[in-house]
Amino acid sequence: MLLRCGLFAILTPQLFLRSSDSFDLVPRGRTSFNELSVGQIAQRSGLAVSALHFYEANGLITSTRNSGNQRRYTRETLRRVAFIRASQRVGIPLADIRDALDGLPDQRTPTPEDWQHLSNT
């Protein structure tokens, strides 16, 4: 706010305090740091939600359901989606991509060695 006082102008700061989701420890729509909604995966990967549903229906990615019956994906799904997209760009059929992804571990994040082994096959 600007106050004019004779020849001088006085600036007074104005504070607009409000709560924000950006400071939450666990952002709205996530039940933990390792679980993402289908919309969050879509936003981060640049894919449509329907494409993610298609990938899931074809066994390329997996999800769990929360108590509200909403899909939840692990953060590792982002790497799998990136792998799927890169593989599709070079012309690898989805069936071959699924077979390759079946060789990766389900219960943990694939290590660089896992990805190296996959690239050698």
PDB file of N, CA and C in Angstrom:
ATOM      1  N   MET A   1       0.850  -1.162   0.000  1.00  0.00           N
ATOM      2  CA  MET A   1       0.000   0.000   0.000  1.00  0.00           C
ATOM      3  C   MET A   1       0.895   1.224   0.000  1.00  0.00           C
ATOM      4  N   LEU A   2       0.526   2.233  -0.762  1.00  0.00           N
ATOM      5  CA  LEU A   2       1.324   3.441  -0.915  1.00  0.00           C
ATOM      6  C   LEU A   2       0.583   4.594  -0.252  1.00  0.00           C
ATOM      7  N   LEU A   3       1.236   5.225   0.710  1.00  0.00           N
ATOM      8  CA  LEU A   3       0.678   6.401   1.375  1.00  0.00           C
ATOM      9  C   LEU A   3       1.509   7.612   0.973  1.00  0.00           C
ATOM     10  N   ARG A   4       0.836   8.646   0.557  1.00  0.00           N
ATOM     11  CA  ARG A   4       1.560   9.871   0.193  1.00  0.00           C
ATOM     12  C   ARG A   4       1.483  10.838   1.374  1.00  0.00           C
ATOM     13  N   CYS A   5       2.640  11.286   1.717  1.00  0.00           N
ATOM     14  CA  CYS A   5       2.731  12.181   2.852  1.00  0.00           C
ATOM     15  C   CYS A   5       3.605  13.366   2.433  1.00  0.00           C
ATOM     16  N   GLY A   6       2.986  14.419   1.915  1.00  0.00           N
ATOM     17  CA  GLY A   6       3.755  15.564   1.442  1.00  0.00           C
ATOM     18  C   GLY A   6       4.572  15.182   0.226  1.00  0.00           C
ATOM     19  N   LEU A   7       5.878  15.408   0.276  1.00  0.00           N
ATOM     20  CA  LEU A   7       6.772  15.091  -0.820  1.00  0.00           C
ATOM     21  C   LEU A   7       7.241  13.643  -0.813  1.00  0.00           C
ATOM     22  N   PHE A   8       6.996  12.967   0.262  1.00  0.00           N
ATOM     23  CA  PHE A   8       7.495  11.605   0.424  1.00  0.00           C
ATOM     24  C   PHE A   8       6.369  10.591   0.290  1.00  0.00           C
ATOM     25  N   ALA A   9       6.710   9.467  -0.210  1.00  0.00           N
ATOM     26  CA  ALA A   9       5.764   8.350  -0.283  1.00  0.00           C
ATOM     27  C   ALA A   9       6.237   7.279   0.696  1.00  0.00           C
ATOM     28  N   ILE A  10       5.317   6.718   1.403  1.00  0.00           N
ATOM     29  CA  ILE A  10       5.638   5.689   2.383  1.00  0.00           C
ATOM     30  C   ILE A  10       5.008   4.377   1.915  1.00  0.00           C
ATOM     31  N   LEU A  11       5.852   3.384   1.792  1.00  0.00           N
ATOM     32  CA  LEU A  11       5.348   2.050   1.445  1.00  0.00           C
ATOM     33  C   LEU A  11       5.118   1.266   2.714  1.00  0.00           C
ATOM     34  N   THR A  12       3.960   0.691   2.826  1.00  0.00           N
ATOM     35  CA  THR A  12       3.677  -0.166   3.976  1.00  0.00           C
ATOM     36  C   THR A  12       3.379  -1.567   3.441  1.00  0.00           C
ATOM     37  N   PRO A  13       4.047  -2.555   3.990  1.00  0.00           N
ATOM     38  CA  PRO A  13       3.817  -3.922   3.503  1.00  0.00           C
ATOM     39  C   PRO A  13       2.435  -4.415   3.900  1.00  0.00           C
ATOM     40  N   GLN A  14       1.855  -5.199   3.023  1.00  0.00           N
ATOM     41  CA  GLN A  14       0.582  -5.837   3.317  1.00  0.00           C
ATOM     42  C   GLN A  14       0.808  -7.341   3.302  1.00  0.00           C
ATOM     43  N   LEU A  15       0.338  -7.984   4.320  1.00  0.00           N
ATOM     44  CA  LEU A  15       0.482  -9.424   4.412  1.00  0.00           C
ATOM     45  C   LEU A  15      -0.845 -10.078   4.078  1.00  0.00           C
ATOM     46  N   PHE A  16      -0.789 -11.042   3.201  1.00  0.00           N
ATOM     47  CA  PHE A  16      -1.962 -11.826   2.869  1.00  0.00           C
ATOM     48  C   PHE A  16      -1.664 -13.263   3.291  1.00  0.00           C
ATOM     49  N   LEU A  17      -2.007 -13.576   4.499  1.00  0.00           N
ATOM     50  CA  LEU A  17      -1.726 -14.904   5.037  1.00  0.00           C
ATOM     51  C   LEU A  17      -2.897 -15.830   4.756  1.00  0.00           C
ATOM     52  N   ARG A  18      -2.579 -16.989   4.235  1.00  0.00           N
ATOM     53  CA  ARG A  18      -3.603 -17.997   4.018  1.00  0.00           C
ATOM     54  C   ARG A  18      -2.938 -19.356   4.076  1.00  0.00           C
ATOM     55  N   SER A  19      -3.721 -20.356   4.380  1.00  0.00           N
ATOM     56  CA  SER A  19      -3.153 -21.692   4.407  1.00  0.00           C
ATOM     57  C   SER A  19      -2.978 -22.177   2.977  1.00  0.00           C
ATOM     58  N   SER A  20      -2.024 -23.063   2.795  1.00  0.00           N
ATOM     59  CA  SER A  20      -1.729 -23.551   1.460  1.00  0.00           C
ATOM     60  C   SER A  20      -1.435 -25.030   1.509  1.00  0.00           C
ATOM     61  N   ASP A  21      -1.876 -25.761   0.481  1.00  0.00           N
ATOM     62  CA  ASP A  21      -1.590 -27.183   0.398  1.00  0.00           C
ATOM     63  C   ASP A  21      -0.120 -27.458   0.154  1.00  0.00           C
ATOM     64  N   SER A  22       0.610 -26.464  -0.338  1.00  0.00           N
ATOM     65  CA  SER A  22       2.001 -26.712  -0.698  1.00  0.00           C
ATOM     66  C   SER A  22       2.889 -26.975   0.508  1.00  0.00           C
ATOM     67  N   PHE A  23       2.409 -26.707   1.709  1.00  0.00           N
ATOM     68  CA  PHE A  23       3.212 -26.919   2.891  1.00  0.00           C
ATOM     69  C   PHE A  23       2.788 -28.144   3.684  1.00  0.00           C
ATOM     70  N   ASP A  24       1.807 -28.877   3.199  1.00  0.00           N
ATOM     71  CA  ASP A  24       1.383 -30.086   3.883  1.00  0.00           C
ATOM     72  C   ASP A  24       2.469 -31.148   3.758  1.00  0.00           C
ATOM     73  N   LEU A  25       2.644 -31.937   4.807  1.00  0.00           N
ATOM     74  CA  LEU A  25       3.608 -33.027   4.739  1.00  0.00           C
ATOM     75  C   LEU A  25       3.160 -34.079   3.737  1.00  0.00           C
ATOM     76  N   VAL A  26       1.901 -34.424   3.770  1.00  0.00           N
ATOM     77  CA  VAL A  26       1.340 -35.350   2.798  1.00  0.00           C
ATOM     78  C   VAL A  26       0.290 -34.582   2.019  1.00  0.00           C
ATOM     79  N   PRO A  27       0.584 -34.223   0.762  1.00  0.00           N
ATOM     80  CA  PRO A  27      -0.347 -33.418  -0.020  1.00  0.00           C
ATOM     81  C   PRO A  27      -1.705 -34.079  -0.164  1.00  0.00           C
ATOM     82  N   ARG A  28      -2.718 -33.250  -0.341  1.00  0.00           N
ATOM     83  CA  ARG A  28      -4.073 -33.729  -0.505  1.00  0.00           C
ATOM     84  C   ARG A  28      -4.140 -34.695  -1.685  1.00  0.00           C
ATOM     85  N   GLY A  29      -4.887 -35.768  -1.530  1.00  0.00           N
ATOM     86  CA  GLY A  29      -5.025 -36.741  -2.600  1.00  0.00           C
ATOM     87  C   GLY A  29      -4.007 -37.868  -2.531  1.00  0.00           C
ATOM     88  N   ARG A  30      -3.136 -37.830  -1.536  1.00  0.00           N
ATOM     89  CA  ARG A  30      -2.165 -38.911  -1.369  1.00  0.00           C
ATOM     90  C   ARG A  30      -2.265 -39.443   0.037  1.00  0.00           C
ATOM     91  N   THR A  31      -2.190 -40.764   0.159  1.00  0.00           N
ATOM     92  CA  THR A  31      -2.247 -41.348   1.486  1.00  0.00           C
ATOM     93  C   THR A  31      -0.862 -41.550   2.069  1.00  0.00           C
ATOM     94  N   SER A  32       0.166 -41.494   1.247  1.00  0.00           N
ATOM     95  CA  SER A  32       1.541 -41.546   1.726  1.00  0.00           C
ATOM     96  C   SER A  32       2.435 -40.952   0.642  1.00  0.00           C
ATOM     97  N   PHE A  33       3.713 -40.822   0.952  1.00  0.00           N
ATOM     98  CA  PHE A  33       4.643 -40.258  -0.022  1.00  0.00           C
ATOM     99  C   PHE A  33       4.893 -41.207  -1.189  1.00  0.00           C
ATOM    100  N   ASN A  34       4.645 -42.500  -0.991  1.00  0.00           N
ATOM    101  CA  ASN A  34       4.931 -43.468  -2.037  1.00  0.00           C
ATOM    102  C   ASN A  34       3.720 -43.812  -2.885  1.00  0.00           C
ATOM    103  N   GLU A  35       2.575 -43.268  -2.590  1.00  0.00           N
ATOM    104  CA  GLU A  35       1.376 -43.571  -3.355  1.00  0.00           C
ATOM    105  C   GLU A  35       0.904 -42.343  -4.114  1.00  0.00           C
ATOM    106  N   LEU A  36       0.585 -42.541  -5.384  1.00  0.00           N
ATOM    107  CA  LEU A  36       0.110 -41.458  -6.236  1.00  0.00           C
ATOM    108  C   LEU A  36      -1.227 -41.856  -6.843  1.00  0.00           C
ATOM    109  N   SER A  37      -2.081 -40.879  -7.053  1.00  0.00           N
ATOM    110  CA  SER A  37      -3.360 -41.138  -7.703  1.00  0.00           C
ATOM    111  C   SER A  37      -3.140 -41.257  -9.206  1.00  0.00           C
ATOM    112  N   VAL A  38      -4.143 -41.745  -9.901  1.00  0.00           N
ATOM    113  CA  VAL A  38      -4.035 -41.889 -11.348  1.00  0.00           C
ATOM    114  C   VAL A  38      -3.858 -40.516 -12.005  1.00  0.00           C
ATOM    115  N   GLY A  39      -4.497 -39.495 -11.460  1.00  0.00           N
ATOM    116  CA  GLY A  39      -4.337 -38.138 -11.987  1.00  0.00           C
ATOM    117  C   GLY A  39      -2.931 -37.605 -11.806  1.00  0.00           C
ATOM    118  N   GLN A  40      -2.318 -37.912 -10.667  1.00  0.00           N
ATOM    119  CA  GLN A  40      -0.948 -37.466 -10.418  1.00  0.00           C
ATOM    120  C   GLN A  40       0.036 -38.170 -11.345  1.00  0.00           C
ATOM    121  N   ILE A  41      -0.172 -39.465 -11.565  1.00  0.00           N
ATOM    122  CA  ILE A  41       0.682 -40.196 -12.507  1.00  0.00           C
ATOM    123  C   ILE A  41       0.510 -39.616 -13.905  1.00  0.00           C
ATOM    124  N   ALA A  42      -0.738 -39.360 -14.291  1.00  0.00           N
ATOM    125  CA  ALA A  42      -1.012 -38.801 -15.623  1.00  0.00           C
ATOM    126  C   ALA A  42      -0.335 -37.450 -15.793  1.00  0.00           C
ATOM    127  N   GLN A  43      -0.441 -36.607 -14.781  1.00  0.00           N
ATOM    128  CA  GLN A  43       0.155 -35.270 -14.865  1.00  0.00           C
ATOM    129  C   GLN A  43       1.670 -35.355 -14.972  1.00  0.00           C
ATOM    130  N   ARG A  44       2.288 -36.192 -14.176  1.00  0.00           N
ATOM    131  CA  ARG A  44       3.747 -36.280 -14.178  1.00  0.00           C
ATOM    132  C   ARG A  44       4.298 -36.965 -15.421  1.00  0.00           C
ATOM    133  N   SER A  45       3.536 -37.910 -15.963  1.00  0.00           N
ATOM    134  CA  SER A  45       4.036 -38.661 -17.116  1.00  0.00           C
ATOM    135  C   SER A  45       3.636 -38.044 -18.450  1.00  0.00           C
ATOM    136  N   GLY A  46       2.625 -37.175 -18.435  1.00  0.00           N
ATOM    137  CA  GLY A  46       2.155 -36.576 -19.671  1.00  0.00           C
ATOM    138  C   GLY A  46       1.193 -37.463 -20.443  1.00  0.00           C
ATOM    139  N   LEU A  47       0.736 -38.536 -19.823  1.00  0.00           N
ATOM    140  CA  LEU A  47      -0.218 -39.446 -20.448  1.00  0.00           C
ATOM    141  C   LEU A  47      -1.642 -39.123 -20.012  1.00  0.00           C
ATOM    142  N   ALA A  48      -2.592 -39.548 -20.805  1.00  0.00           N
ATOM    143  CA  ALA A  48      -3.996 -39.428 -20.419  1.00  0.00           C
ATOM    144  C   ALA A  48      -4.317 -40.511 -19.390  1.00  0.00           C
ATOM    145  N   VAL A  49      -5.286 -40.228 -18.538  1.00  0.00           N
ATOM    146  CA  VAL A  49      -5.722 -41.205 -17.546  1.00  0.00           C
ATOM    147  C   VAL A  49      -6.182 -42.482 -18.239  1.00  0.00           C
ATOM    148  N   SER A  50      -6.852 -42.337 -19.360  1.00  0.00           N
ATOM    149  CA  SER A  50      -7.333 -43.522 -20.088  1.00  0.00           C
ATOM    150  C   SER A  50      -6.170 -44.398 -20.562  1.00  0.00           C
ATOM    151  N   ALA A  51      -5.040 -43.790 -20.917  1.00  0.00           N
ATOM    152  CA  ALA A  51      -3.866 -44.572 -21.325  1.00  0.00           C
ATOM    153  C   ALA A  51      -3.329 -45.382 -20.149  1.00  0.00           C
ATOM    154  N   LEU A  52      -3.324 -44.781 -18.959  1.00  0.00           N
ATOM    155  CA  LEU A  52      -2.871 -45.504 -17.772  1.00  0.00           C
ATOM    156  C   LEU A  52      -3.807 -46.661 -17.466  1.00  0.00           C
ATOM    157  N   HIS A  53      -5.101 -46.440 -17.606  1.00  0.00           N
ATOM    158  CA  HIS A  53      -6.059 -47.523 -17.400  1.00  0.00           C
ATOM    159  C   HIS A  53      -5.831 -48.631 -18.423  1.00  0.00           C
ATOM    160  N   PHE A  54      -5.529 -48.257 -19.663  1.00  0.00           N
ATOM    161  CA  PHE A  54      -5.234 -49.231 -20.707  1.00  0.00           C
ATOM    162  C   PHE A  54      -3.991 -50.039 -20.346  1.00  0.00           C
ATOM    163  N   TYR A  55      -2.933 -49.366 -19.905  1.00  0.00           N
ATOM    164  CA  TYR A  55      -1.713 -50.059 -19.497  1.00  0.00           C
ATOM    165  C   TYR A  55      -1.996 -51.037 -18.359  1.00  0.00           C
ATOM    166  N   GLU A  56      -2.824 -50.595 -17.416  1.00  0.00           N
ATOM    167  CA  GLU A  56      -3.146 -51.466 -16.279  1.00  0.00           C
ATOM    168  C   GLU A  56      -3.970 -52.677 -16.737  1.00  0.00           C
ATOM    169  N   ALA A  57      -4.925 -52.450 -17.608  1.00  0.00           N
ATOM    170  CA  ALA A  57      -5.760 -53.548 -18.112  1.00  0.00           C
ATOM    171  C   ALA A  57      -4.929 -54.569 -18.888  1.00  0.00           C
ATOM    172  N   ASN A  58      -3.831 -54.131 -19.487  1.00  0.00           N
ATOM    173  CA  ASN A  58      -2.969 -55.015 -20.256  1.00  0.00           C
ATOM    174  C   ASN A  58      -1.780 -55.541 -19.455  1.00  0.00           C
ATOM    175  N   GLY A  59      -1.778 -55.333 -18.140  1.00  0.00           N
ATOM    176  CA  GLY A  59      -0.761 -55.906 -17.275  1.00  0.00           C
ATOM    177  C   GLY A  59       0.589 -55.228 -17.307  1.00  0.00           C
ATOM    178  N   LEU A  60       0.653 -54.000 -17.826  1.00  0.00           N
ATOM    179  CA  LEU A  60       1.935 -53.289 -17.888  1.00  0.00           C
ATOM    180  C   LEU A  60       2.260 -52.579 -16.577  1.00  0.00           C
ATOM    181  N   ILE A  61       1.248 -52.100 -15.886  1.00  0.00           N
ATOM    182  CA  ILE A  61       1.415 -51.462 -14.580  1.00  0.00           C
ATOM    183  C   ILE A  61       0.349 -52.026 -13.652  1.00  0.00           C
ATOM    184  N   THR A  62       0.566 -51.858 -12.356  1.00  0.00           N
ATOM    185  CA  THR A  62      -0.403 -52.335 -11.367  1.00  0.00           C
ATOM    186  C   THR A  62      -0.733 -51.218 -10.394  1.00  0.00           C
ATOM    187  N   SER A  63      -1.880 -51.349  -9.769  1.00  0.00           N
ATOM    188  CA  SER A  63      -2.284 -50.389  -8.752  1.00  0.00           C
ATOM    189  C   SER A  63      -2.939 -51.141  -7.597  1.00  0.00           C
ATOM    190  N   THR A  64      -3.105 -50.431  -6.511  1.00  0.00           N
ATOM    191  CA  THR A  64      -3.885 -50.939  -5.397  1.00  0.00           C
ATOM    192  C   THR A  64      -5.094 -50.018  -5.252  1.00  0.00           C
ATOM    193  N   ARG A  65      -6.005 -50.395  -4.405  1.00  0.00           N
ATOM    194  CA  ARG A  65      -7.181 -49.560  -4.152  1.00  0.00           C
ATOM    195  C   ARG A  65      -7.154 -49.110  -2.697  1.00  0.00           C
ATOM    196  N   ASN A  66      -7.528 -47.847  -2.479  1.00  0.00           N
ATOM    197  CA  ASN A  66      -7.606 -47.353  -1.112  1.00  0.00           C
ATOM    198  C   ASN A  66      -8.994 -47.636  -0.551  1.00  0.00           C
ATOM    199  N   SER A  67      -9.266 -47.165   0.642  1.00  0.00           N
ATOM    200  CA  SER A  67     -10.553 -47.448   1.286  1.00  0.00           C
ATOM    201  C   SER A  67     -11.721 -46.831   0.524  1.00  0.00           C
ATOM    202  N   GLY A  68     -11.478 -45.803  -0.259  1.00  0.00           N
ATOM    203  CA  GLY A  68     -12.520 -45.190  -1.079  1.00  0.00           C
ATOM    204  C   GLY A  68     -12.607 -45.801  -2.475  1.00  0.00           C
ATOM    205  N   ASN A  69     -11.916 -46.937  -2.678  1.00  0.00           N
ATOM    206  CA  ASN A  69     -11.891 -47.674  -3.939  1.00  0.00           C
ATOM    207  C   ASN A  69     -11.241 -46.878  -5.075  1.00  0.00           C
ATOM    208  N   GLN A  70     -10.329 -45.976  -4.738  1.00  0.00           N
ATOM    209  CA  GLN A  70      -9.590 -45.214  -5.748  1.00  0.00           C
ATOM    210  C   GLN A  70      -8.253 -45.890  -6.008  1.00  0.00           C
ATOM    211  N   ARG A  71      -7.837 -45.846  -7.251  1.00  0.00           N
ATOM    212  CA  ARG A  71      -6.550 -46.442  -7.613  1.00  0.00           C
ATOM    213  C   ARG A  71      -5.406 -45.663  -6.972  1.00  0.00           C
ATOM    214  N   ARG A  72      -4.397 -46.391  -6.521  1.00  0.00           N
ATOM    215  CA  ARG A  72      -3.170 -45.799  -6.009  1.00  0.00           C
ATOM    216  C   ARG A  72      -1.992 -46.532  -6.633  1.00  0.00           C
ATOM    217  N   TYR A  73      -1.052 -45.758  -7.133  1.00  0.00           N
ATOM    218  CA  TYR A  73       0.129 -46.295  -7.788  1.00  0.00           C
ATOM    219  C   TYR A  73       1.351 -45.951  -6.960  1.00  0.00           C
ATOM    220  N   THR A  74       2.349 -46.826  -7.011  1.00  0.00           N
ATOM    221  CA  THR A  74       3.607 -46.513  -6.330  1.00  0.00           C
ATOM    222  C   THR A  74       4.417 -45.572  -7.216  1.00  0.00           C
ATOM    223  N   ARG A  75       5.396 -44.929  -6.621  1.00  0.00           N
ATOM    224  CA  ARG A  75       6.236 -44.002  -7.371  1.00  0.00           C
ATOM    225  C   ARG A  75       7.025 -44.723  -8.469  1.00  0.00           C
ATOM    226  N   GLU A  76       7.287 -46.007  -8.253  1.00  0.00           N
ATOM    227  CA  GLU A  76       8.019 -46.786  -9.258  1.00  0.00           C
ATOM    228  C   GLU A  76       7.243 -46.882 -10.571  1.00  0.00           C
ATOM    229  N   THR A  77       5.938 -46.680 -10.503  1.00  0.00           N
ATOM    230  CA  THR A  77       5.107 -46.725 -11.707  1.00  0.00           C
ATOM    231  C   THR A  77       5.558 -45.666 -12.708  1.00  0.00           C
ATOM    232  N   LEU A  78       6.044 -44.534 -12.222  1.00  0.00           N
ATOM    233  CA  LEU A  78       6.525 -43.486 -13.125  1.00  0.00           C
ATOM    234  C   LEU A  78       7.682 -43.986 -13.993  1.00  0.00           C
ATOM    235  N   ARG A  79       8.582 -44.759 -13.417  1.00  0.00           N
ATOM    236  CA  ARG A  79       9.696 -45.307 -14.189  1.00  0.00           C
ATOM    237  C   ARG A  79       9.197 -46.336 -15.197  1.00  0.00           C
ATOM    238  N   ARG A  80       8.242 -47.140 -14.772  1.00  0.00           N
ATOM    239  CA  ARG A  80       7.687 -48.142 -15.685  1.00  0.00           C
ATOM    240  C   ARG A  80       6.992 -47.457 -16.861  1.00  0.00           C
ATOM    241  N   VAL A  81       6.240 -46.411 -16.583  1.00  0.00           N
ATOM    242  CA  VAL A  81       5.551 -45.687 -17.649  1.00  0.00           C
ATOM    243  C   VAL A  81       6.570 -45.054 -18.599  1.00  0.00           C
ATOM    244  N   ALA A  82       7.633 -44.498 -18.059  1.00  0.00           N
ATOM    245  CA  ALA A  82       8.681 -43.917 -18.912  1.00  0.00           C
ATOM    246  C   ALA A  82       9.306 -44.994 -19.794  1.00  0.00           C
ATOM    247  N   PHE A  83       9.541 -46.172 -19.223  1.00  0.00           N
ATOM    248  CA  PHE A  83      10.094 -47.288 -19.993  1.00  0.00           C
ATOM    249  C   PHE A  83       9.126 -47.716 -21.098  1.00  0.00           C
ATOM    250  N   ILE A  84       7.848 -47.810 -20.769  1.00  0.00           N
ATOM    251  CA  ILE A  84       6.831 -48.196 -21.755  1.00  0.00           C
ATOM    252  C   ILE A  84       6.805 -47.206 -22.909  1.00  0.00           C
ATOM    253  N   ARG A  85       6.790 -45.924 -22.576  1.00  0.00           N
ATOM    254  CA  ARG A  85       6.721 -44.890 -23.616  1.00  0.00           C
ATOM    255  C   ARG A  85       7.964 -44.910 -24.506  1.00  0.00           C
ATOM    256  N   ALA A  86       9.129 -45.053 -23.891  1.00  0.00           N
ATOM    257  CA  ALA A  86      10.365 -45.094 -24.685  1.00  0.00           C
ATOM    258  C   ALA A  86      10.384 -46.325 -25.579  1.00  0.00           C
ATOM    259  N   SER A  87       9.927 -47.445 -25.063  1.00  0.00           N
ATOM    260  CA  SER A  87       9.888 -48.677 -25.850  1.00  0.00           C
ATOM    261  C   SER A  87       8.917 -48.566 -27.013  1.00  0.00           C
ATOM    262  N   GLN A  88       7.781 -47.949 -26.767  1.00  0.00           N
ATOM    263  CA  GLN A  88       6.803 -47.772 -27.839  1.00  0.00           C
ATOM    264  C   GLN A  88       7.351 -46.861 -28.939  1.00  0.00           C
ATOM    265  N   ARG A  89       8.109 -45.848 -28.546  1.00  0.00           N
ATOM    266  CA  ARG A  89       8.658 -44.910 -29.530  1.00  0.00           C
ATOM    267  C   ARG A  89       9.604 -45.585 -30.516  1.00  0.00           C
ATOM    268  N   VAL A  90      10.296 -46.624 -30.056  1.00  0.00           N
ATOM    269  CA  VAL A  90      11.219 -47.324 -30.953  1.00  0.00           C
ATOM    270  C   VAL A  90      10.561 -48.529 -31.615  1.00  0.00           C
ATOM    271  N   GLY A  91       9.257 -48.692 -31.424  1.00  0.00           N
ATOM    272  CA  GLY A  91       8.503 -49.701 -32.153  1.00  0.00           C
ATOM    273  C   GLY A  91       8.367 -51.055 -31.497  1.00  0.00           C
ATOM    274  N   ILE A  92       8.638 -51.168 -30.220  1.00  0.00           N
ATOM    275  CA  ILE A  92       8.499 -52.451 -29.536  1.00  0.00           C
ATOM    276  C   ILE A  92       7.021 -52.675 -29.205  1.00  0.00           C
ATOM    277  N   PRO A  93       6.470 -53.828 -29.550  1.00  0.00           N
ATOM    278  CA  PRO A  93       5.057 -54.102 -29.261  1.00  0.00           C
ATOM    279  C   PRO A  93       4.790 -54.206 -27.756  1.00  0.00           C
ATOM    280  N   LEU A  94       3.566 -53.873 -27.354  1.00  0.00           N
ATOM    281  CA  LEU A  94       3.204 -53.896 -25.935  1.00  0.00           C
ATOM    282  C   LEU A  94       3.383 -55.280 -25.315  1.00  0.00           C
ATOM    283  N   ALA A  95       3.134 -56.336 -26.067  1.00  0.00           N
ATOM    284  CA  ALA A  95       3.305 -57.691 -25.527  1.00  0.00           C
ATOM    285  C   ALA A  95       4.758 -57.936 -25.134  1.00  0.00           C
ATOM    286  N   ASP A  96       5.693 -57.468 -25.957  1.00  0.00           N
ATOM    287  CA  ASP A  96       7.116 -57.622 -25.636  1.00  0.00           C
ATOM    288  C   ASP A  96       7.513 -56.748 -24.453  1.00  0.00           C
ATOM    289  N   ILE A  97       6.928 -55.575 -24.379  1.00  0.00           N
ATOM    290  CA  ILE A  97       7.204 -54.682 -23.244  1.00  0.00           C
ATOM    291  C   ILE A  97       6.709 -55.326 -21.955  1.00  0.00           C
ATOM    292  N   ARG A  98       5.512 -55.900 -21.995  1.00  0.00           N
ATOM    293  CA  ARG A  98       4.957 -56.562 -20.812  1.00  0.00           C
ATOM    294  C   ARG A  98       5.856 -57.717 -20.377  1.00  0.00           C
ATOM    295  N   ASP A  99       6.326 -58.523 -21.335  1.00  0.00           N
ATOM    296  CA  ASP A  99       7.216 -59.636 -21.002  1.00  0.00           C
ATOM    297  C   ASP A  99       8.501 -59.140 -20.344  1.00  0.00           C
ATOM    298  N   ALA A 100       9.034 -58.043 -20.851  1.00  0.00           N
ATOM    299  CA  ALA A 100      10.260 -57.477 -20.272  1.00  0.00           C
ATOM    300  C   ALA A 100      10.006 -56.963 -18.859  1.00  0.00           C
ATOM    301  N   LEU A 101       8.883 -56.276 -18.660  1.00  0.00           N
ATOM    302  CA  LEU A 101       8.575 -55.733 -17.337  1.00  0.00           C
ATOM    303  C   LEU A 101       8.269 -56.825 -16.325  1.00  0.00           C
ATOM    304  N   ASP A 102       7.804 -57.972 -16.800  1.00  0.00           N
ATOM    305  CA  ASP A 102       7.543 -59.089 -15.886  1.00  0.00           C
ATOM    306  C   ASP A 102       8.811 -59.580 -15.217  1.00  0.00           C
ATOM    307  N   GLY A 103       9.966 -59.307 -15.824  1.00  0.00           N
ATOM    308  CA  GLY A 103      11.242 -59.705 -15.242  1.00  0.00           C
ATOM    309  C   GLY A 103      11.742 -58.770 -14.155  1.00  0.00           C
ATOM    310  N   LEU A 104      11.079 -57.632 -13.977  1.00  0.00           N
ATOM    311  CA  LEU A 104      11.483 -56.693 -12.927  1.00  0.00           C
ATOM    312  C   LEU A 104      10.788 -57.035 -11.619  1.00  0.00           C
ATOM    313  N   PRO A 105      11.405 -56.682 -10.482  1.00  0.00           N
ATOM    314  CA  PRO A 105      10.794 -56.997  -9.189  1.00  0.00           C
ATOM    315  C   PRO A 105       9.522 -56.178  -8.953  1.00  0.00           C
ATOM    316  N   ASP A 106       8.551 -56.808  -8.287  1.00  0.00           N
ATOM    317  CA  ASP A 106       7.285 -56.126  -7.988  1.00  0.00           C
ATOM    318  C   ASP A 106       7.304 -55.430  -6.629  1.00  0.00           C
ATOM    319  N   GLN A 107       8.010 -55.974  -5.682  1.00  0.00           N
ATOM    320  CA  GLN A 107       7.923 -55.496  -4.307  1.00  0.00           C
ATOM    321  C   GLN A 107       8.971 -54.456  -3.936  1.00  0.00           C
ATOM    322  N   ARG A 108       9.792 -54.054  -4.893  1.00  0.00           N
ATOM    323  CA  ARG A 108      10.803 -53.031  -4.597  1.00  0.00           C
ATOM    324  C   ARG A 108      11.092 -52.230  -5.860  1.00  0.00           C
ATOM    325  N   THR A 109      11.751 -51.109  -5.664  1.00  0.00           N
ATOM    326  CA  THR A 109      12.148 -50.281  -6.794  1.00  0.00           C
ATOM    327  C   THR A 109      13.245 -50.990  -7.566  1.00  0.00           C
ATOM    328  N   PRO A 110      13.111 -51.094  -8.885  1.00  0.00           N
ATOM    329  CA  PRO A 110      14.186 -51.719  -9.661  1.00  0.00           C
ATOM    330  C   PRO A 110      15.486 -50.934  -9.509  1.00  0.00           C
ATOM    331  N   THR A 111      16.561 -51.663  -9.330  1.00  0.00           N
ATOM    332  CA  THR A 111      17.876 -51.044  -9.191  1.00  0.00           C
ATOM    333  C   THR A 111      18.464 -50.782 -10.573  1.00  0.00           C
ATOM    334  N   PRO A 112      19.526 -49.992 -10.653  1.00  0.00           N
ATOM    335  CA  PRO A 112      20.198 -49.807 -11.948  1.00  0.00           C
ATOM    336  C   PRO A 112      20.640 -51.143 -12.559  1.00  0.00           C
ATOM    337  N   GLU A 113      21.023 -52.096 -11.698  1.00  0.00           N
ATOM    338  CA  GLU A 113      21.428 -53.409 -12.196  1.00  0.00           C
ATOM    339  C   GLU A 113      20.243 -54.134 -12.838  1.00  0.00           C
ATOM    340  N   ASP A 114      19.042 -53.993 -12.239  1.00  0.00           N
ATOM    341  CA  ASP A 114      17.833 -54.594 -12.819  1.00  0.00           C
ATOM    342  C   ASP A 114      17.563 -54.018 -14.204  1.00  0.00           C
ATOM    343  N   TRP A 115      17.660 -52.696 -14.333  1.00  0.00           N
ATOM    344  CA  TRP A 115      17.424 -52.060 -15.630  1.00  0.00           C
ATOM    345  C   TRP A 115      18.507 -52.458 -16.629  1.00  0.00           C
ATOM    346  N   GLN A 116      19.748 -52.562 -16.172  1.00  0.00           N
ATOM    347  CA  GLN A 116      20.842 -52.989 -17.066  1.00  0.00           C
ATOM    348  C   GLN A 116      20.598 -54.394 -17.578  1.00  0.00           C
ATOM    349  N   HIS A 117      20.182 -55.289 -16.679  1.00  0.00           N
ATOM    350  CA  HIS A 117      19.893 -56.662 -17.078  1.00  0.00           C
ATOM    351  C   HIS A 117      18.760 -56.687 -18.104  1.00  0.00           C
ATOM    352  N   LEU A 118      17.761 -55.851 -17.888  1.00  0.00           N
ATOM    353  CA  LEU A 118      16.630 -55.773 -18.819  1.00  0.00           C
ATOM    354  C   LEU A 118      17.092 -55.270 -20.182  1.00  0.00           C
ATOM    355  N   SER A 119      17.990 -54.296 -20.207  1.00  0.00           N
ATOM    356  CA  SER A 119      18.445 -53.742 -21.486  1.00  0.00           C
ATOM    357  C   SER A 119      19.329 -54.714 -22.256  1.00  0.00           C
ATOM    358  N   ASN A 120      19.935 -55.657 -21.551  1.00  0.00           N
ATOM    359  CA  ASN A 120      20.800 -56.645 -22.200  1.00  0.00           C
ATOM    360  C   ASN A 120      20.019 -57.812 -22.800  1.00  0.00           C
ATOM    361  N   THR A 121      18.754 -57.947 -22.420  1.00  0.00           N
ATOM    362  CA  THR A 121      17.955 -59.076 -22.917  1.00  0.00           C
ATOM    363  C   THR A 121      17.238 -58.765 -24.197  1.00  0.00           C
TER     364      THR A 121
END
